[in-house]
Amino acid sequence: MTCWLDRIRGNPRIHVLAIDPDVSLDGQDRDTKMAQNTIKAVENQPHAKVVILAGNVHSAVKIGNFFDPIYRPMSYQLSAPANSPVKPSDILSTMTRYENADIWACTNDDAADCGPLKLKKYSSTYSTAVTFDSYFLIEPVLSPEGYLATWFTRTVEVSSPFRWRYVGRARGAPPPIGLKIPLQGIPNKGIN
């Protein structure tokens, strides 16, 4: 995703907004603040098309998930307020599904426990129905997890955190505490 953002940042018709709050009390507070930040952006540019790149937990449009039955994801909260400029029909929540995945994750609040994590192989109807390496599907009904579409890819590869990968590395900063893998050469053109 960071390479994609790097390529589009020179396009004057595309504006990138970071919606993650600087401070949040917990996951629920973070999702609430991300929704509020997005709503403010929509209010400031009511005719703009908005694409939000967020993780699966944040993208669901229904209350509840696998770890909290009353969790209110960001995408749900975008249209929940009665005065929101975002209507439910404006949202196409998409879940990324995979067969094999390596991700960058922190397993608790200790930075030493952050690093690449191999997820278990996940076979599903999405991985067995077709032989494509990747595809996009509009779901016929809201999925049980709360998504209206699926992006399927056979393999997700680990990506190091953006902040160090682009900004810190370009400035010669050492990797963050807990970085457990060597990173390959990443272009840093245009970074000051």
Protein backbone atom coordinates (compact mmCIF):
# COMPACT_ATOMS: atom_id res chain seq x y z
CA MET A 1 0.00 0.00 0.00
CA THR A 2 2.80 2.43 0.78
CA CYS A 3 4.25 1.99 -2.72
CA TRP A 4 0.81 2.74 -4.17
CA LEU A 5 0.52 5.90 -2.04
CA ASP A 6 3.98 6.95 -3.17
CA ARG A 7 2.92 6.65 -6.82
CA ILE A 8 -0.32 8.65 -6.47
CA ARG A 9 0.94 11.50 -4.30
CA GLY A 10 1.97 13.52 -7.35
CA ASN A 11 -1.56 13.49 -8.79
CA PRO A 12 -3.19 16.89 -8.09
CA ARG A 13 -6.69 15.36 -8.28
CA ILE A 14 -6.03 12.92 -5.46
CA HIS A 15 -5.79 14.02 -1.82
CA VAL A 16 -4.57 11.61 0.82
CA LEU A 17 -5.82 12.05 4.36
CA ALA A 18 -4.56 10.08 7.34
CA ILE A 19 -7.64 9.34 9.46
CA ASP A 20 -5.96 7.44 12.29
CA PRO A 21 -6.05 9.55 15.48
CA ASP A 22 -2.84 10.60 17.21
CA VAL A 23 -4.19 9.30 20.53
CA SER A 24 -6.89 6.79 21.35
CA LEU A 25 -7.86 5.06 24.57
CA ASP A 26 -8.56 1.64 23.02
CA GLY A 27 -9.65 0.03 19.75
CA GLN A 28 -13.24 1.24 20.04
CA ASP A 29 -12.13 4.82 20.68
CA ARG A 30 -9.76 4.57 17.70
CA ASP A 31 -12.56 3.45 15.35
CA THR A 32 -14.84 6.21 16.63
CA LYS A 33 -12.17 8.86 16.02
CA MET A 34 -11.35 7.47 12.57
CA ALA A 35 -15.04 7.74 11.65
CA GLN A 36 -15.21 11.30 13.01
CA ASN A 37 -12.11 12.30 11.04
CA THR A 38 -13.57 10.85 7.86
CA ILE A 39 -16.95 12.54 8.38
CA LYS A 40 -15.18 15.91 8.82
CA ALA A 41 -13.30 15.34 5.55
CA VAL A 42 -16.55 14.47 3.72
CA GLU A 43 -18.21 17.59 5.14
CA ASN A 44 -15.30 19.71 3.89
CA GLN A 45 -15.45 18.20 0.38
CA PRO A 46 -19.05 16.99 -0.07
CA HIS A 47 -18.71 16.19 -3.80
CA ALA A 48 -15.46 14.26 -3.55
CA LYS A 49 -15.24 10.51 -4.04
CA VAL A 50 -13.72 8.90 -0.96
CA VAL A 51 -11.71 5.69 -0.79
CA ILE A 52 -10.69 4.53 2.67
CA LEU A 53 -7.86 2.07 3.09
CA ALA A 54 -8.31 0.40 6.46
CA GLY A 55 -8.03 -3.04 7.98
CA ASN A 56 -10.84 -5.57 7.98
CA VAL A 57 -11.96 -4.88 11.57
CA HIS A 58 -12.41 -1.17 10.79
CA SER A 59 -14.22 -1.77 7.47
CA ALA A 60 -17.24 -3.77 8.62
CA VAL A 61 -20.64 -2.07 8.44
CA LYS A 62 -22.39 -3.98 11.22
CA ILE A 63 -22.03 -3.98 14.99
CA GLY A 64 -20.00 -6.83 16.44
CA ASN A 65 -17.04 -8.92 15.36
CA PHE A 66 -15.15 -12.05 16.38
CA PHE A 67 -13.72 -10.49 19.55
CA ASP A 68 -16.49 -8.15 20.73
CA PRO A 69 -20.22 -8.60 19.97
CA ILE A 70 -20.95 -4.88 20.56
CA TYR A 71 -17.93 -3.40 18.74
CA ARG A 72 -18.86 -0.49 16.45
CA PRO A 73 -16.39 -0.47 13.52
CA MET A 74 -15.38 2.74 11.80
CA SER A 75 -17.38 1.98 8.64
CA TYR A 76 -20.51 1.31 10.67
CA GLN A 77 -20.03 4.63 12.49
CA LEU A 78 -19.66 6.61 9.25
CA SER A 79 -23.40 6.48 8.61
CA ALA A 80 -24.68 5.87 12.17
CA PRO A 81 -25.10 9.52 13.28
CA ALA A 82 -28.47 10.90 12.13
CA ASN A 83 -26.80 14.04 10.74
CA SER A 84 -23.92 12.24 8.99
CA PRO A 85 -23.28 13.26 5.38
CA VAL A 86 -22.41 9.60 4.74
CA LYS A 87 -25.39 7.35 4.04
CA PRO A 88 -25.29 3.54 4.26
CA SER A 89 -25.70 3.33 0.47
CA ASP A 90 -22.50 5.41 0.07
CA ILE A 91 -20.39 2.65 1.64
CA LEU A 92 -18.96 -0.40 -0.11
CA SER A 93 -17.19 -2.17 2.74
CA THR A 94 -14.68 -4.65 1.44
CA MET A 95 -13.04 -7.51 3.30
CA THR A 96 -9.65 -8.75 2.23
CA ARG A 97 -9.63 -12.52 2.21
CA TYR A 98 -6.58 -14.66 1.61
CA GLU A 99 -5.33 -18.21 1.53
CA ASN A 100 -1.81 -17.61 2.91
CA ALA A 101 -0.67 -14.53 4.79
CA ASP A 102 2.32 -13.05 6.54
CA ILE A 103 1.51 -9.81 8.34
CA TRP A 104 3.28 -7.24 10.52
CA ALA A 105 1.63 -7.21 13.93
CA CYS A 106 2.14 -6.32 17.56
CA THR A 107 0.87 -9.08 19.83
CA ASN A 108 0.72 -6.83 22.90
CA ASP A 109 1.88 -3.38 24.07
CA ASP A 110 5.58 -4.37 24.18
CA ALA A 111 7.41 -3.13 21.06
CA ALA A 112 9.74 -6.13 21.31
CA ASP A 113 6.75 -8.30 20.41
CA CYS A 114 6.14 -6.53 17.10
CA GLY A 115 7.21 -8.21 13.91
CA PRO A 116 6.22 -10.52 11.09
CA LEU A 117 3.56 -13.07 11.90
CA LYS A 118 2.62 -16.04 9.70
CA LEU A 119 -1.11 -16.69 9.76
CA LYS A 120 -2.47 -20.20 9.36
CA LYS A 121 -3.44 -21.32 5.88
CA TYR A 122 -7.10 -20.50 5.35
CA SER A 123 -9.04 -22.52 2.78
CA SER A 124 -12.52 -21.26 2.03
CA THR A 125 -15.05 -21.08 -0.77
CA TYR A 126 -13.18 -17.96 -1.92
CA SER A 127 -9.92 -19.89 -2.36
CA THR A 128 -11.40 -23.04 -3.89
CA ALA A 129 -14.12 -21.66 -6.21
CA VAL A 130 -11.70 -20.37 -8.86
CA THR A 131 -8.01 -20.67 -9.64
CA PHE A 132 -7.37 -16.92 -9.96
CA ASP A 133 -4.55 -15.45 -7.88
CA SER A 134 -6.81 -12.53 -6.96
CA TYR A 135 -10.27 -11.18 -7.69
CA PHE A 136 -12.91 -8.69 -6.51
CA LEU A 137 -16.47 -9.80 -5.73
CA ILE A 138 -19.57 -7.81 -4.85
CA GLU A 139 -21.35 -10.03 -2.30
CA PRO A 140 -25.00 -10.87 -3.09
CA VAL A 141 -25.94 -10.00 0.53
CA LEU A 142 -24.12 -8.57 3.53
CA SER A 143 -21.60 -11.19 4.65
CA PRO A 144 -21.93 -12.59 8.19
CA GLU A 145 -18.86 -10.55 9.17
CA GLY A 146 -20.44 -7.30 7.91
CA TYR A 147 -18.97 -6.71 4.44
CA LEU A 148 -20.58 -5.92 1.09
CA ALA A 149 -17.63 -7.00 -1.08
CA THR A 150 -14.57 -9.24 -1.00
CA TRP A 151 -11.08 -8.70 -2.33
CA PHE A 152 -9.48 -12.16 -2.48
CA THR A 153 -5.77 -12.70 -2.93
CA ARG A 154 -3.98 -16.03 -2.64
CA THR A 155 -1.00 -14.64 -0.74
CA VAL A 156 -0.46 -11.59 1.45
CA GLU A 157 3.17 -10.77 2.11
CA VAL A 158 4.49 -8.98 5.17
CA SER A 159 5.08 -5.26 4.91
CA SER A 160 7.16 -3.36 7.43
CA PRO A 161 5.67 -0.32 9.16
CA PHE A 162 5.36 2.69 6.86
CA ARG A 163 6.88 5.25 9.22
CA TRP A 164 10.31 3.66 9.39
CA ARG A 165 10.26 2.14 5.94
CA TYR A 166 9.87 5.45 4.16
CA VAL A 167 10.58 8.30 6.56
CA GLY A 168 13.01 6.85 9.08
CA ARG A 169 15.02 4.87 6.57
CA ALA A 170 15.30 7.83 4.19
CA ARG A 171 16.71 9.92 7.04
CA GLY A 172 19.09 7.19 8.12
CA ALA A 173 17.20 6.41 11.32
CA PRO A 174 17.72 3.00 12.90
CA PRO A 175 14.86 0.52 12.65
CA PRO A 176 12.26 0.56 15.43
CA ILE A 177 12.80 -1.56 18.50
CA GLY A 178 11.56 -5.04 17.83
CA LEU A 179 12.18 -5.03 14.05
CA LYS A 180 12.99 -8.68 13.46
CA ILE A 181 13.50 -8.88 9.70
CA PRO A 182 15.92 -7.19 7.32
CA LEU A 183 14.12 -4.94 4.86
CA GLN A 184 14.89 -4.97 1.18
CA GLY A 185 15.92 -1.84 -0.74
CA ILE A 186 12.92 0.46 -0.84
CA PRO A 187 12.90 3.53 -3.08
CA ASN A 188 13.01 6.76 -1.12
CA LYS A 189 12.93 9.31 -3.92
CA GLY A 190 11.13 12.49 -3.05
CA ILE A 191 11.45 12.02 0.71
CA ASN A 192 12.94 14.95 2.60
